[in-house]
Amino acid sequence: MSIKKIENLPLYMKITEKKANGVVYTPAWIVNLILDRIGYKKNIFAKKIVAPACGDGNFLIFIAERFLSDCKKNKLSNKKIK
């Protein structure tokens, strides 16, 4: 899947939808704090992540956003990313 296709995926659910469906979520500021503390800030292209959770996917969403940002910053092609 190309970066363009990933960027256009509907990744976010409205908070009202989450609450209505009983979804428990980790606030963005906590996700970013944890990712910063574990060193997932820069040069992340070669790093691996395990997310053994059953929440709404906030960690995976923010990880994907950081990964895509790092790929763009380093001008990596779709072929290189695969």
N, C-alpha and C. Protein backbone atom coordinates (compact mmCIF):
# COMPACT_ATOMS: atom_id res chain seq x y z
N MET A 1 0.85 -1.17 0.00
CA MET A 1 0.00 0.00 0.00
C MET A 1 0.90 1.23 0.00
N SER A 2 0.56 2.21 -0.79
CA SER A 2 1.38 3.41 -0.89
C SER A 2 1.11 4.36 0.27
N ILE A 3 2.05 5.28 0.49
CA ILE A 3 1.89 6.28 1.54
C ILE A 3 0.63 7.10 1.30
N LYS A 4 0.37 7.48 0.06
CA LYS A 4 -0.82 8.28 -0.25
C LYS A 4 -2.09 7.56 0.18
N LYS A 5 -2.18 6.25 -0.09
CA LYS A 5 -3.37 5.50 0.29
C LYS A 5 -3.52 5.43 1.80
N ILE A 6 -2.41 5.23 2.51
CA ILE A 6 -2.45 5.16 3.97
C ILE A 6 -2.89 6.49 4.54
N GLU A 7 -2.37 7.59 4.00
CA GLU A 7 -2.71 8.91 4.52
C GLU A 7 -4.19 9.22 4.37
N ASN A 8 -4.85 8.61 3.40
CA ASN A 8 -6.26 8.91 3.15
C ASN A 8 -7.22 7.97 3.87
N LEU A 9 -6.70 7.03 4.64
CA LEU A 9 -7.58 6.12 5.38
C LEU A 9 -8.27 6.87 6.52
N PRO A 10 -9.53 6.56 6.77
CA PRO A 10 -10.22 7.20 7.90
C PRO A 10 -9.77 6.55 9.21
N LEU A 11 -8.77 7.11 9.86
CA LEU A 11 -8.18 6.49 11.04
C LEU A 11 -8.83 6.92 12.35
N TYR A 12 -9.50 8.03 12.32
CA TYR A 12 -10.01 8.57 13.57
C TYR A 12 -11.51 8.41 13.70
N MET A 13 -11.93 8.04 14.88
CA MET A 13 -13.34 7.96 15.21
C MET A 13 -13.65 9.16 16.10
N LYS A 14 -14.77 9.81 15.86
CA LYS A 14 -15.14 10.95 16.69
C LYS A 14 -15.32 10.51 18.14
N ILE A 15 -14.97 11.39 19.07
CA ILE A 15 -15.08 11.06 20.49
C ILE A 15 -16.50 10.67 20.85
N THR A 16 -17.48 11.36 20.27
CA THR A 16 -18.88 11.02 20.57
C THR A 16 -19.20 9.59 20.12
N GLU A 17 -18.63 9.16 19.00
CA GLU A 17 -18.83 7.79 18.53
C GLU A 17 -18.17 6.80 19.48
N LYS A 18 -16.97 7.14 19.95
CA LYS A 18 -16.26 6.26 20.88
C LYS A 18 -17.08 6.07 22.14
N LYS A 19 -17.55 7.17 22.71
CA LYS A 19 -18.32 7.09 23.95
C LYS A 19 -19.61 6.32 23.75
N ALA A 20 -20.28 6.55 22.63
CA ALA A 20 -21.54 5.87 22.35
C ALA A 20 -21.34 4.36 22.21
N ASN A 21 -20.18 3.96 21.73
CA ASN A 21 -19.88 2.54 21.53
C ASN A 21 -19.10 1.92 22.69
N GLY A 22 -18.88 2.70 23.75
CA GLY A 22 -18.17 2.19 24.91
C GLY A 22 -16.68 1.99 24.70
N VAL A 23 -16.11 2.69 23.74
CA VAL A 23 -14.69 2.56 23.45
C VAL A 23 -13.89 3.37 24.46
N VAL A 24 -12.87 2.74 25.03
CA VAL A 24 -11.96 3.43 25.94
C VAL A 24 -10.72 3.78 25.14
N TYR A 25 -10.28 5.02 25.23
CA TYR A 25 -9.15 5.43 24.42
C TYR A 25 -8.09 6.10 25.27
N THR A 26 -6.86 6.03 24.79
CA THR A 26 -5.74 6.72 25.43
C THR A 26 -5.64 8.10 24.79
N PRO A 27 -5.70 9.16 25.59
CA PRO A 27 -5.60 10.51 25.02
C PRO A 27 -4.29 10.71 24.25
N ALA A 28 -4.37 11.53 23.21
CA ALA A 28 -3.22 11.78 22.32
C ALA A 28 -2.00 12.24 23.10
N TRP A 29 -2.18 13.08 24.10
CA TRP A 29 -1.01 13.61 24.81
C TRP A 29 -0.28 12.50 25.57
N ILE A 30 -1.01 11.50 26.06
CA ILE A 30 -0.38 10.38 26.75
C ILE A 30 0.35 9.49 25.75
N VAL A 31 -0.29 9.23 24.62
CA VAL A 31 0.35 8.42 23.57
C VAL A 31 1.66 9.07 23.14
N ASN A 32 1.62 10.37 22.85
CA ASN A 32 2.84 11.08 22.42
C ASN A 32 3.90 11.09 23.51
N LEU A 33 3.50 11.26 24.76
CA LEU A 33 4.46 11.25 25.87
C LEU A 33 5.17 9.89 25.94
N ILE A 34 4.41 8.82 25.87
CA ILE A 34 5.00 7.48 25.94
C ILE A 34 5.92 7.22 24.75
N LEU A 35 5.47 7.58 23.55
CA LEU A 35 6.31 7.37 22.37
C LEU A 35 7.60 8.19 22.45
N ASP A 36 7.50 9.41 22.97
CA ASP A 36 8.71 10.23 23.16
C ASP A 36 9.65 9.59 24.18
N ARG A 37 9.09 9.09 25.27
CA ARG A 37 9.91 8.51 26.34
C ARG A 37 10.62 7.23 25.91
N ILE A 38 10.01 6.46 25.01
CA ILE A 38 10.68 5.23 24.56
C ILE A 38 11.61 5.48 23.38
N GLY A 39 11.73 6.75 22.98
CA GLY A 39 12.68 7.10 21.93
C GLY A 39 12.15 6.95 20.52
N TYR A 40 10.84 6.91 20.37
CA TYR A 40 10.24 6.78 19.04
C TYR A 40 9.96 8.16 18.48
N LYS A 41 11.06 8.92 18.23
CA LYS A 41 10.94 10.30 17.78
C LYS A 41 11.56 10.55 16.42
N LYS A 42 12.74 10.01 16.19
CA LYS A 42 13.44 10.28 14.94
C LYS A 42 14.20 9.04 14.53
N ASN A 43 14.53 8.99 13.25
CA ASN A 43 15.21 7.82 12.69
C ASN A 43 14.49 6.53 13.07
N ILE A 44 13.18 6.55 12.87
CA ILE A 44 12.36 5.42 13.31
C ILE A 44 12.12 4.39 12.22
N PHE A 45 12.63 4.65 11.02
CA PHE A 45 12.34 3.78 9.89
C PHE A 45 12.69 2.32 10.18
N ALA A 46 13.79 2.06 10.83
CA ALA A 46 14.24 0.69 11.06
C ALA A 46 13.77 0.11 12.40
N LYS A 47 13.06 0.90 13.20
CA LYS A 47 12.62 0.41 14.51
C LYS A 47 11.38 -0.46 14.36
N LYS A 48 11.18 -1.31 15.34
CA LYS A 48 10.01 -2.19 15.36
C LYS A 48 9.16 -1.85 16.58
N ILE A 49 7.88 -2.08 16.44
CA ILE A 49 6.94 -1.78 17.52
C ILE A 49 6.02 -2.97 17.74
N VAL A 50 5.75 -3.28 18.99
CA VAL A 50 4.75 -4.27 19.35
C VAL A 50 3.70 -3.53 20.16
N ALA A 51 2.46 -3.66 19.76
CA ALA A 51 1.37 -2.97 20.46
C ALA A 51 0.33 -4.01 20.90
N PRO A 52 0.61 -4.71 22.01
CA PRO A 52 -0.31 -5.75 22.47
C PRO A 52 -1.47 -5.14 23.27
N ALA A 53 -2.33 -4.43 22.59
CA ALA A 53 -3.42 -3.74 23.26
C ALA A 53 -4.75 -4.10 22.62
N CYS A 54 -5.81 -3.72 23.28
CA CYS A 54 -7.14 -3.97 22.72
C CYS A 54 -7.98 -2.71 22.81
N GLY A 55 -7.36 -1.57 22.66
CA GLY A 55 -8.08 -0.30 22.70
C GLY A 55 -8.55 0.13 21.33
N ASP A 56 -8.58 1.43 21.13
CA ASP A 56 -9.10 1.96 19.86
C ASP A 56 -8.02 2.15 18.81
N GLY A 57 -6.78 1.83 19.13
CA GLY A 57 -5.71 1.92 18.14
C GLY A 57 -4.95 3.22 18.14
N ASN A 58 -5.13 4.08 19.15
CA ASN A 58 -4.43 5.36 19.17
C ASN A 58 -2.92 5.20 19.07
N PHE A 59 -2.36 4.22 19.76
CA PHE A 59 -0.91 4.03 19.68
C PHE A 59 -0.49 3.71 18.26
N LEU A 60 -1.20 2.79 17.62
CA LEU A 60 -0.84 2.42 16.25
C LEU A 60 -1.03 3.57 15.28
N ILE A 61 -2.05 4.38 15.49
CA ILE A 61 -2.28 5.54 14.63
C ILE A 61 -1.13 6.53 14.74
N PHE A 62 -0.73 6.86 15.96
CA PHE A 62 0.36 7.82 16.16
C PHE A 62 1.70 7.25 15.70
N ILE A 63 1.89 5.95 15.90
CA ILE A 63 3.11 5.31 15.40
C ILE A 63 3.16 5.40 13.88
N ALA A 64 2.04 5.11 13.23
CA ALA A 64 1.99 5.19 11.76
C ALA A 64 2.24 6.61 11.28
N GLU A 65 1.66 7.59 11.97
CA GLU A 65 1.89 8.99 11.58
C GLU A 65 3.35 9.37 11.70
N ARG A 66 3.99 8.96 12.79
CA ARG A 66 5.41 9.27 12.97
C ARG A 66 6.26 8.55 11.92
N PHE A 67 5.90 7.30 11.64
CA PHE A 67 6.63 6.52 10.64
C PHE A 67 6.53 7.20 9.28
N LEU A 68 5.33 7.59 8.87
CA LEU A 68 5.15 8.24 7.58
C LEU A 68 5.90 9.57 7.52
N SER A 69 5.86 10.31 8.60
CA SER A 69 6.58 11.58 8.65
C SER A 69 8.08 11.35 8.49
N ASP A 70 8.61 10.33 9.16
CA ASP A 70 10.03 10.02 9.06
C ASP A 70 10.39 9.56 7.65
N CYS A 71 9.53 8.77 7.04
CA CYS A 71 9.77 8.31 5.66
C CYS A 71 9.80 9.48 4.70
N LYS A 72 8.87 10.42 4.86
CA LYS A 72 8.83 11.60 3.99
C LYS A 72 10.07 12.46 4.20
N LYS A 73 10.43 12.66 5.48
CA LYS A 73 11.60 13.48 5.80
C LYS A 73 12.86 12.90 5.16
N ASN A 74 12.95 11.58 5.14
CA ASN A 74 14.12 10.91 4.56
C ASN A 74 13.93 10.58 3.09
N LYS A 75 12.83 11.05 2.51
CA LYS A 75 12.53 10.90 1.08
C LYS A 75 12.63 9.44 0.62
N LEU A 76 12.02 8.55 1.40
CA LEU A 76 12.04 7.14 1.06
C LEU A 76 10.93 6.83 0.06
N SER A 77 11.23 6.01 -0.92
CA SER A 77 10.24 5.63 -1.93
C SER A 77 9.33 4.54 -1.36
N ASN A 78 8.19 4.34 -2.03
CA ASN A 78 7.28 3.26 -1.62
C ASN A 78 7.99 1.92 -1.65
N LYS A 79 8.84 1.72 -2.65
CA LYS A 79 9.57 0.46 -2.79
C LYS A 79 10.50 0.25 -1.59
N LYS A 80 11.18 1.29 -1.16
CA LYS A 80 12.10 1.20 -0.03
C LYS A 80 11.34 0.92 1.27
N ILE A 81 10.16 1.52 1.41
CA ILE A 81 9.36 1.34 2.62
C ILE A 81 8.87 -0.09 2.75
N LYS A 82 8.47 -0.69 1.64
CA LYS A 82 7.97 -2.07 1.67
C LYS A 82 9.05 -3.00 2.18
